Amino acid sequence: MRVRDIMKPRIYTCPGSASLGDAARIMAEHACGILPIVEPKSHRLLGVITDRDICLGALAGQERLDAIPVRSAFSWRLVTCREDDDILTVCRAMSENGVRRLPVTDRRGILVGLVSLDDLAGLACRTMSDEGVILRDVVTRTLAAIGEAIARHQGPMTTEVATVEE
């Protein structure tokens, strides 16, 4: 099975010149948690911004979202895949990099789609053959590895409760 068989070819994007408010509105309107940042004319992938990036950018900026440029908060470190990559390669890339979604690019770096852990899990649930059993195991291990990578990045969980002064 290849990425092209399960990726979402129609995805919403955002230019680097947009504000965090613009990106948040696109995400809210289309119920998505990630927007690839592309060059407007060439559609070449520059980075991605997630709903988490927007929250952290807003917290750091202490300004209105419409006043904070996307380019100040989006992820420049890109982990991508290609349409002809196999599913196991994608799972490995997600596991090793602690990400749940990968932009799909062509040989020139042009964005052609997006593949997510949700896409892989859906495929695993729909596949009833021995291949499906293997894929369910791989997806489960991928999810566990992503969780471990996130925990390493964020540090240990605490039970402290933050209070907000009024």
N, C-alpha and C. Protein backbone atom coordinates (compact mmCIF):
# COMPACT_ATOMS: atom_id res chain seq x y z
N MET A 1 0.85 -1.17 0.00
CA MET A 1 0.00 0.00 0.00
C MET A 1 0.90 1.24 0.00
N ARG A 2 0.51 2.23 -0.78
CA ARG A 2 1.29 3.46 -0.95
C ARG A 2 0.55 4.66 -0.37
N VAL A 3 1.30 5.73 -0.10
CA VAL A 3 0.73 6.96 0.45
C VAL A 3 -0.39 7.48 -0.44
N ARG A 4 -0.19 7.42 -1.75
CA ARG A 4 -1.20 7.95 -2.67
C ARG A 4 -2.57 7.29 -2.49
N ASP A 5 -2.58 6.06 -1.96
CA ASP A 5 -3.83 5.32 -1.77
C ASP A 5 -4.64 5.82 -0.59
N ILE A 6 -4.01 6.51 0.36
CA ILE A 6 -4.76 6.94 1.55
C ILE A 6 -4.65 8.44 1.86
N MET A 7 -3.75 9.16 1.19
CA MET A 7 -3.55 10.57 1.53
C MET A 7 -4.78 11.41 1.15
N LYS A 8 -4.86 12.57 1.77
CA LYS A 8 -5.88 13.55 1.42
C LYS A 8 -5.25 14.47 0.37
N PRO A 9 -5.72 14.41 -0.87
CA PRO A 9 -5.12 15.25 -1.90
C PRO A 9 -5.61 16.70 -1.85
N ARG A 10 -6.77 16.92 -1.25
CA ARG A 10 -7.32 18.27 -1.17
C ARG A 10 -7.16 18.75 0.26
N ILE A 11 -6.23 19.65 0.46
CA ILE A 11 -5.99 20.15 1.81
C ILE A 11 -5.97 21.67 1.79
N TYR A 12 -6.17 22.24 2.94
CA TYR A 12 -6.16 23.69 3.07
C TYR A 12 -4.76 24.13 3.44
N THR A 13 -4.33 25.26 2.89
CA THR A 13 -2.99 25.77 3.11
C THR A 13 -3.07 27.22 3.57
N CYS A 14 -1.92 27.75 3.89
CA CYS A 14 -1.83 29.12 4.39
C CYS A 14 -0.54 29.73 3.85
N PRO A 15 -0.58 30.98 3.41
CA PRO A 15 0.68 31.63 2.99
C PRO A 15 1.46 32.10 4.21
N GLY A 16 2.75 32.21 4.08
CA GLY A 16 3.59 32.68 5.18
C GLY A 16 3.30 34.11 5.58
N SER A 17 2.64 34.86 4.71
CA SER A 17 2.32 36.26 5.01
C SER A 17 1.07 36.42 5.87
N ALA A 18 0.36 35.33 6.12
CA ALA A 18 -0.88 35.39 6.91
C ALA A 18 -0.56 35.61 8.39
N SER A 19 -1.60 35.92 9.15
CA SER A 19 -1.45 36.07 10.61
C SER A 19 -1.89 34.77 11.29
N LEU A 20 -1.55 34.65 12.58
CA LEU A 20 -2.02 33.49 13.33
C LEU A 20 -3.54 33.48 13.39
N GLY A 21 -4.16 34.66 13.41
CA GLY A 21 -5.61 34.74 13.39
C GLY A 21 -6.18 34.16 12.11
N ASP A 22 -5.54 34.49 10.97
CA ASP A 22 -5.98 33.92 9.68
C ASP A 22 -5.88 32.40 9.71
N ALA A 23 -4.75 31.88 10.18
CA ALA A 23 -4.54 30.43 10.24
C ALA A 23 -5.57 29.77 11.16
N ALA A 24 -5.83 30.39 12.32
CA ALA A 24 -6.81 29.83 13.26
C ALA A 24 -8.20 29.80 12.64
N ARG A 25 -8.56 30.84 11.89
CA ARG A 25 -9.88 30.87 11.24
C ARG A 25 -10.00 29.77 10.18
N ILE A 26 -8.94 29.56 9.40
CA ILE A 26 -8.96 28.50 8.38
C ILE A 26 -9.13 27.14 9.07
N MET A 27 -8.38 26.91 10.14
CA MET A 27 -8.48 25.65 10.87
C MET A 27 -9.88 25.45 11.44
N ALA A 28 -10.44 26.49 12.03
CA ALA A 28 -11.78 26.39 12.62
C ALA A 28 -12.84 26.14 11.55
N GLU A 29 -12.73 26.84 10.45
CA GLU A 29 -13.71 26.71 9.37
C GLU A 29 -13.69 25.33 8.73
N HIS A 30 -12.52 24.71 8.65
CA HIS A 30 -12.38 23.44 7.95
C HIS A 30 -12.07 22.26 8.88
N ALA A 31 -12.19 22.47 10.18
CA ALA A 31 -11.98 21.42 11.18
C ALA A 31 -10.68 20.65 10.96
N CYS A 32 -9.58 21.39 10.88
CA CYS A 32 -8.28 20.76 10.72
C CYS A 32 -7.32 21.32 11.75
N GLY A 33 -6.30 20.56 12.10
CA GLY A 33 -5.35 20.98 13.12
C GLY A 33 -3.97 21.29 12.59
N ILE A 34 -3.83 21.28 11.27
CA ILE A 34 -2.53 21.56 10.65
C ILE A 34 -2.78 22.26 9.32
N LEU A 35 -1.92 23.23 9.02
CA LEU A 35 -1.96 23.90 7.72
C LEU A 35 -0.55 23.93 7.15
N PRO A 36 -0.35 23.34 5.99
CA PRO A 36 0.93 23.53 5.33
C PRO A 36 1.08 24.99 4.90
N ILE A 37 2.27 25.52 5.06
CA ILE A 37 2.59 26.88 4.64
C ILE A 37 3.29 26.75 3.28
N VAL A 38 2.72 27.40 2.28
CA VAL A 38 3.25 27.25 0.92
C VAL A 38 3.53 28.61 0.29
N GLU A 39 4.44 28.61 -0.68
CA GLU A 39 4.64 29.79 -1.51
C GLU A 39 3.40 29.94 -2.38
N PRO A 40 2.80 31.12 -2.41
CA PRO A 40 1.52 31.28 -3.12
C PRO A 40 1.54 30.87 -4.60
N LYS A 41 2.56 31.22 -5.33
CA LYS A 41 2.56 30.93 -6.77
C LYS A 41 3.00 29.52 -7.11
N SER A 42 4.08 29.07 -6.49
CA SER A 42 4.64 27.77 -6.85
C SER A 42 4.02 26.61 -6.07
N HIS A 43 3.40 26.89 -4.95
CA HIS A 43 2.84 25.89 -4.05
C HIS A 43 3.93 25.01 -3.42
N ARG A 44 5.17 25.53 -3.43
CA ARG A 44 6.28 24.81 -2.79
C ARG A 44 6.09 24.88 -1.28
N LEU A 45 6.28 23.76 -0.62
CA LEU A 45 6.09 23.66 0.82
C LEU A 45 7.22 24.36 1.57
N LEU A 46 6.86 25.27 2.48
CA LEU A 46 7.84 25.99 3.29
C LEU A 46 7.88 25.49 4.73
N GLY A 47 6.75 25.03 5.23
CA GLY A 47 6.66 24.58 6.61
C GLY A 47 5.23 24.19 6.92
N VAL A 48 4.94 23.99 8.19
CA VAL A 48 3.58 23.70 8.62
C VAL A 48 3.30 24.46 9.91
N ILE A 49 2.04 24.77 10.14
CA ILE A 49 1.62 25.35 11.41
C ILE A 49 0.49 24.49 11.96
N THR A 50 0.56 24.20 13.25
CA THR A 50 -0.46 23.39 13.90
C THR A 50 -1.25 24.26 14.86
N ASP A 51 -2.37 23.73 15.32
CA ASP A 51 -3.16 24.45 16.31
C ASP A 51 -2.32 24.69 17.57
N ARG A 52 -1.45 23.76 17.91
CA ARG A 52 -0.57 23.93 19.07
C ARG A 52 0.42 25.07 18.83
N ASP A 53 0.98 25.17 17.62
CA ASP A 53 1.89 26.27 17.30
C ASP A 53 1.19 27.62 17.48
N ILE A 54 -0.07 27.69 17.09
CA ILE A 54 -0.82 28.94 17.24
C ILE A 54 -0.98 29.30 18.72
N CYS A 55 -1.33 28.32 19.53
CA CYS A 55 -1.48 28.57 20.98
C CYS A 55 -0.17 29.05 21.60
N LEU A 56 0.92 28.37 21.26
CA LEU A 56 2.22 28.75 21.82
C LEU A 56 2.67 30.10 21.28
N GLY A 57 2.41 30.38 20.02
CA GLY A 57 2.76 31.67 19.43
C GLY A 57 1.98 32.80 20.09
N ALA A 58 0.71 32.56 20.37
CA ALA A 58 -0.12 33.57 21.03
C ALA A 58 0.38 33.82 22.46
N LEU A 59 0.73 32.75 23.14
CA LEU A 59 1.22 32.88 24.51
C LEU A 59 2.53 33.67 24.55
N ALA A 60 3.44 33.35 23.63
CA ALA A 60 4.74 34.02 23.60
C ALA A 60 4.61 35.48 23.17
N GLY A 61 3.70 35.73 22.23
CA GLY A 61 3.56 37.07 21.68
C GLY A 61 2.78 38.04 22.55
N GLN A 62 1.88 37.52 23.38
CA GLN A 62 1.04 38.37 24.22
C GLN A 62 0.37 39.48 23.42
N GLU A 63 -0.02 39.15 22.18
CA GLU A 63 -0.69 40.10 21.31
C GLU A 63 -1.94 39.43 20.74
N ARG A 64 -2.74 40.22 20.05
CA ARG A 64 -3.88 39.65 19.34
C ARG A 64 -3.35 38.74 18.23
N LEU A 65 -4.06 37.65 17.96
CA LEU A 65 -3.62 36.70 16.93
C LEU A 65 -3.47 37.36 15.57
N ASP A 66 -4.31 38.33 15.27
CA ASP A 66 -4.22 39.00 13.96
C ASP A 66 -2.96 39.85 13.83
N ALA A 67 -2.28 40.13 14.94
CA ALA A 67 -1.07 40.94 14.90
C ALA A 67 0.21 40.10 14.85
N ILE A 68 0.07 38.77 14.95
CA ILE A 68 1.25 37.90 14.97
C ILE A 68 1.37 37.18 13.63
N PRO A 69 2.47 37.35 12.92
CA PRO A 69 2.62 36.69 11.63
C PRO A 69 2.84 35.18 11.77
N VAL A 70 2.26 34.43 10.86
CA VAL A 70 2.43 32.97 10.84
C VAL A 70 3.90 32.61 10.80
N ARG A 71 4.68 33.36 10.03
CA ARG A 71 6.10 33.02 9.87
C ARG A 71 6.87 33.03 11.20
N SER A 72 6.31 33.68 12.23
CA SER A 72 6.99 33.71 13.53
C SER A 72 6.71 32.46 14.36
N ALA A 73 5.73 31.65 13.94
CA ALA A 73 5.33 30.51 14.77
C ALA A 73 5.33 29.17 14.04
N PHE A 74 5.42 29.15 12.71
CA PHE A 74 5.30 27.86 12.06
C PHE A 74 6.59 27.06 12.11
N SER A 75 6.45 25.76 11.94
CA SER A 75 7.58 24.84 12.01
C SER A 75 8.31 24.80 10.67
N TRP A 76 9.59 25.18 10.72
CA TRP A 76 10.42 25.15 9.51
C TRP A 76 11.03 23.77 9.32
N ARG A 77 11.19 23.03 10.40
CA ARG A 77 11.78 21.70 10.31
C ARG A 77 10.72 20.77 9.75
N LEU A 78 10.91 20.40 8.51
CA LEU A 78 9.89 19.62 7.82
C LEU A 78 10.22 18.14 7.78
N VAL A 79 9.21 17.35 8.05
CA VAL A 79 9.29 15.91 7.83
C VAL A 79 8.19 15.64 6.81
N THR A 80 8.57 15.15 5.65
CA THR A 80 7.61 14.92 4.57
C THR A 80 7.72 13.50 4.06
N CYS A 81 6.79 13.17 3.19
CA CYS A 81 6.87 11.89 2.49
C CYS A 81 6.45 12.13 1.05
N ARG A 82 6.58 11.11 0.24
CA ARG A 82 6.19 11.19 -1.18
C ARG A 82 5.02 10.27 -1.45
N GLU A 83 4.30 10.53 -2.52
CA GLU A 83 3.13 9.74 -2.90
C GLU A 83 3.45 8.26 -3.07
N ASP A 84 4.65 7.95 -3.54
CA ASP A 84 4.98 6.56 -3.81
C ASP A 84 5.65 5.86 -2.64
N ASP A 85 5.80 6.55 -1.49
CA ASP A 85 6.33 5.89 -0.29
C ASP A 85 5.35 4.83 0.20
N ASP A 86 5.88 3.77 0.78
CA ASP A 86 4.99 2.75 1.34
C ASP A 86 4.56 3.17 2.74
N ILE A 87 3.50 2.56 3.21
CA ILE A 87 2.90 2.91 4.49
C ILE A 87 3.87 2.69 5.65
N LEU A 88 4.66 1.64 5.62
CA LEU A 88 5.60 1.37 6.70
C LEU A 88 6.65 2.46 6.81
N THR A 89 7.07 3.01 5.67
CA THR A 89 8.04 4.12 5.67
C THR A 89 7.43 5.34 6.36
N VAL A 90 6.16 5.59 6.09
CA VAL A 90 5.46 6.73 6.70
C VAL A 90 5.35 6.52 8.21
N CYS A 91 4.98 5.32 8.64
CA CYS A 91 4.88 5.03 10.08
C CYS A 91 6.23 5.23 10.75
N ARG A 92 7.29 4.80 10.11
CA ARG A 92 8.63 4.96 10.67
C ARG A 92 8.98 6.45 10.80
N ALA A 93 8.67 7.24 9.77
CA ALA A 93 8.96 8.68 9.82
C ALA A 93 8.17 9.36 10.93
N MET A 94 6.90 8.99 11.09
CA MET A 94 6.08 9.57 12.16
C MET A 94 6.66 9.19 13.52
N SER A 95 7.00 7.92 13.70
CA SER A 95 7.55 7.44 14.97
C SER A 95 8.86 8.14 15.33
N GLU A 96 9.76 8.20 14.37
CA GLU A 96 11.08 8.76 14.63
C GLU A 96 11.05 10.26 14.90
N ASN A 97 10.03 10.94 14.37
CA ASN A 97 9.98 12.39 14.49
C ASN A 97 8.88 12.90 15.42
N GLY A 98 8.10 11.99 15.99
CA GLY A 98 7.06 12.39 16.94
C GLY A 98 5.97 13.25 16.34
N VAL A 99 5.58 12.94 15.09
CA VAL A 99 4.52 13.70 14.42
C VAL A 99 3.38 12.78 13.99
N ARG A 100 2.18 13.32 13.97
CA ARG A 100 1.00 12.55 13.58
C ARG A 100 0.55 12.81 12.15
N ARG A 101 1.14 13.82 11.52
CA ARG A 101 0.73 14.18 10.16
C ARG A 101 1.95 14.53 9.34
N LEU A 102 1.94 14.08 8.08
CA LEU A 102 3.05 14.39 7.18
C LEU A 102 2.53 15.02 5.90
N PRO A 103 3.10 16.16 5.51
CA PRO A 103 2.80 16.68 4.18
C PRO A 103 3.39 15.73 3.13
N VAL A 104 2.68 15.60 2.03
CA VAL A 104 3.13 14.76 0.91
C VAL A 104 3.58 15.71 -0.20
N THR A 105 4.81 15.53 -0.66
CA THR A 105 5.34 16.39 -1.72
C THR A 105 5.79 15.56 -2.91
N ASP A 106 5.91 16.25 -4.04
CA ASP A 106 6.47 15.58 -5.21
C ASP A 106 7.99 15.79 -5.21
N ARG A 107 8.67 15.37 -6.25
CA ARG A 107 10.13 15.47 -6.31
C ARG A 107 10.64 16.90 -6.23
N ARG A 108 9.82 17.86 -6.63
CA ARG A 108 10.23 19.27 -6.64
C ARG A 108 9.91 20.00 -5.33
N GLY A 109 9.32 19.28 -4.35
CA GLY A 109 8.95 19.91 -3.10
C GLY A 109 7.60 20.60 -3.14
N ILE A 110 6.82 20.29 -4.18
CA ILE A 110 5.48 20.86 -4.32
C ILE A 110 4.51 20.02 -3.51
N LEU A 111 3.70 20.68 -2.70
CA LEU A 111 2.72 20.00 -1.87
C LEU A 111 1.64 19.35 -2.73
N VAL A 112 1.39 18.05 -2.50
CA VAL A 112 0.35 17.34 -3.25
C VAL A 112 -0.68 16.67 -2.35
N GLY A 113 -0.46 16.71 -1.02
CA GLY A 113 -1.43 16.09 -0.12
C GLY A 113 -0.93 16.06 1.31
N LEU A 114 -1.67 15.34 2.15
CA LEU A 114 -1.34 15.18 3.55
C LEU A 114 -1.77 13.79 3.97
N VAL A 115 -0.95 13.13 4.77
CA VAL A 115 -1.30 11.82 5.32
C VAL A 115 -1.18 11.91 6.84
N SER A 116 -2.16 11.33 7.53
CA SER A 116 -2.17 11.43 8.99
C SER A 116 -2.24 10.05 9.63
N LEU A 117 -1.96 10.02 10.92
CA LEU A 117 -2.09 8.79 11.68
C LEU A 117 -3.54 8.30 11.63
N ASP A 118 -4.49 9.24 11.59
CA ASP A 118 -5.90 8.87 11.45
C ASP A 118 -6.15 8.11 10.15
N ASP A 119 -5.51 8.55 9.06
CA ASP A 119 -5.65 7.85 7.78
C ASP A 119 -5.13 6.42 7.89
N LEU A 120 -3.98 6.27 8.56
CA LEU A 120 -3.38 4.95 8.72
C LEU A 120 -4.25 4.06 9.60
N ALA A 121 -4.79 4.63 10.69
CA ALA A 121 -5.65 3.85 11.58
C ALA A 121 -6.92 3.42 10.86
N GLY A 122 -7.49 4.31 10.06
CA GLY A 122 -8.69 3.96 9.29
C GLY A 122 -8.42 2.83 8.32
N LEU A 123 -7.29 2.89 7.64
CA LEU A 123 -6.92 1.82 6.72
C LEU A 123 -6.75 0.50 7.48
N ALA A 124 -6.08 0.56 8.63
CA ALA A 124 -5.86 -0.65 9.42
C ALA A 124 -7.17 -1.29 9.85
N CYS A 125 -8.14 -0.46 10.22
CA CYS A 125 -9.45 -0.99 10.66
C CYS A 125 -10.26 -1.57 9.50
N ARG A 126 -10.09 -1.02 8.31
CA ARG A 126 -10.85 -1.48 7.14
C ARG A 126 -10.24 -2.72 6.49
N THR A 127 -8.97 -3.01 6.77
CA THR A 127 -8.27 -4.11 6.13
C THR A 127 -8.42 -5.36 6.98
N MET A 128 -9.09 -6.37 6.44
CA MET A 128 -9.38 -7.58 7.22
C MET A 128 -8.41 -8.73 6.97
N SER A 129 -7.46 -8.57 6.10
CA SER A 129 -6.52 -9.64 5.79
C SER A 129 -5.40 -9.69 6.83
N ASP A 130 -4.46 -10.59 6.63
CA ASP A 130 -3.29 -10.66 7.50
C ASP A 130 -2.52 -9.34 7.45
N GLU A 131 -2.54 -8.69 6.29
CA GLU A 131 -1.89 -7.40 6.16
C GLU A 131 -2.51 -6.38 7.12
N GLY A 132 -3.81 -6.46 7.32
CA GLY A 132 -4.50 -5.57 8.24
C GLY A 132 -4.06 -5.77 9.68
N VAL A 133 -3.84 -7.03 10.06
CA VAL A 133 -3.37 -7.34 11.42
C VAL A 133 -2.00 -6.72 11.63
N ILE A 134 -1.13 -6.87 10.66
CA ILE A 134 0.22 -6.30 10.75
C ILE A 134 0.13 -4.78 10.81
N LEU A 135 -0.71 -4.20 9.95
CA LEU A 135 -0.85 -2.75 9.92
C LEU A 135 -1.40 -2.21 11.24
N ARG A 136 -2.36 -2.90 11.84
CA ARG A 136 -2.89 -2.45 13.13
C ARG A 136 -1.78 -2.44 14.18
N ASP A 137 -0.93 -3.46 14.16
CA ASP A 137 0.20 -3.51 15.09
C ASP A 137 1.16 -2.36 14.83
N VAL A 138 1.46 -2.10 13.57
CA VAL A 138 2.39 -1.02 13.23
C VAL A 138 1.82 0.33 13.63
N VAL A 139 0.53 0.56 13.37
CA VAL A 139 -0.10 1.83 13.73
C VAL A 139 -0.11 2.01 15.25
N THR A 140 -0.39 0.95 15.98
CA THR A 140 -0.37 1.02 17.45
C THR A 140 1.02 1.38 17.95
N ARG A 141 2.03 0.73 17.40
CA ARG A 141 3.41 1.03 17.80
C ARG A 141 3.81 2.46 17.40
N THR A 142 3.32 2.92 16.25
CA THR A 142 3.61 4.28 15.80
C THR A 142 3.01 5.28 16.78
N LEU A 143 1.76 5.08 17.16
CA LEU A 143 1.10 5.97 18.11
C LEU A 143 1.85 5.99 19.44
N ALA A 144 2.28 4.83 19.92
CA ALA A 144 3.03 4.76 21.18
C ALA A 144 4.35 5.53 21.06
N ALA A 145 5.04 5.38 19.94
CA ALA A 145 6.33 6.06 19.74
C ALA A 145 6.14 7.57 19.67
N ILE A 146 5.06 8.02 19.03
CA ILE A 146 4.78 9.46 18.96
C ILE A 146 4.53 10.00 20.36
N GLY A 147 3.73 9.27 21.14
CA GLY A 147 3.47 9.69 22.52
C GLY A 147 4.74 9.78 23.34
N GLU A 148 5.63 8.82 23.17
CA GLU A 148 6.90 8.83 23.90
C GLU A 148 7.76 10.01 23.47
N ALA A 149 7.78 10.30 22.17
CA ALA A 149 8.57 11.43 21.67
C ALA A 149 8.02 12.76 22.21
N ILE A 150 6.71 12.88 22.26
CA ILE A 150 6.11 14.10 22.80
C ILE A 150 6.44 14.24 24.28
N ALA A 151 6.34 13.15 25.02
CA ALA A 151 6.65 13.18 26.45
C ALA A 151 8.11 13.58 26.68
N ARG A 152 9.02 13.06 25.87
CA ARG A 152 10.44 13.42 26.00
C ARG A 152 10.63 14.91 25.75
N HIS A 153 9.93 15.43 24.75
CA HIS A 153 10.07 16.84 24.37
C HIS A 153 9.49 17.76 25.44
N GLN A 154 8.35 17.38 26.02
CA GLN A 154 7.67 18.23 26.98
C GLN A 154 8.16 18.02 28.40
N GLY A 155 8.86 16.95 28.67
CA GLY A 155 9.31 16.67 30.02
C GLY A 155 8.24 15.91 30.79
N PRO A 156 8.53 15.61 32.03
CA PRO A 156 7.59 14.80 32.82
C PRO A 156 6.29 15.55 33.10
N MET A 157 5.22 14.78 33.17
CA MET A 157 3.92 15.35 33.51
C MET A 157 3.93 15.69 35.00
N THR A 158 3.27 16.78 35.38
CA THR A 158 3.17 17.14 36.79
C THR A 158 1.71 17.20 37.18
N THR A 159 1.48 17.26 38.44
CA THR A 159 0.10 17.36 38.93
C THR A 159 -0.18 18.75 39.46
N GLU A 160 0.67 19.71 39.14
CA GLU A 160 0.46 21.08 39.58
C GLU A 160 -0.77 21.64 38.89
N VAL A 161 -1.49 22.47 39.62
CA VAL A 161 -2.67 23.12 39.07
C VAL A 161 -2.39 24.61 38.98
N ALA A 162 -2.58 25.15 37.81
CA ALA A 162 -2.38 26.59 37.63
C ALA A 162 -3.69 27.30 37.91
N THR A 163 -3.59 28.44 38.55
CA THR A 163 -4.79 29.24 38.80
C THR A 163 -4.65 30.56 38.05
N VAL A 164 -5.76 31.08 37.65
CA VAL A 164 -5.78 32.34 36.91
C VAL A 164 -6.33 33.42 37.83
N GLU A 165 -5.58 34.47 38.00
CA GLU A 165 -6.03 35.60 38.81
C GLU A 165 -7.01 36.43 38.00
N GLU A 166 -8.07 36.86 38.64
CA GLU A 166 -9.04 37.71 37.95
C GLU A 166 -8.79 39.16 38.23
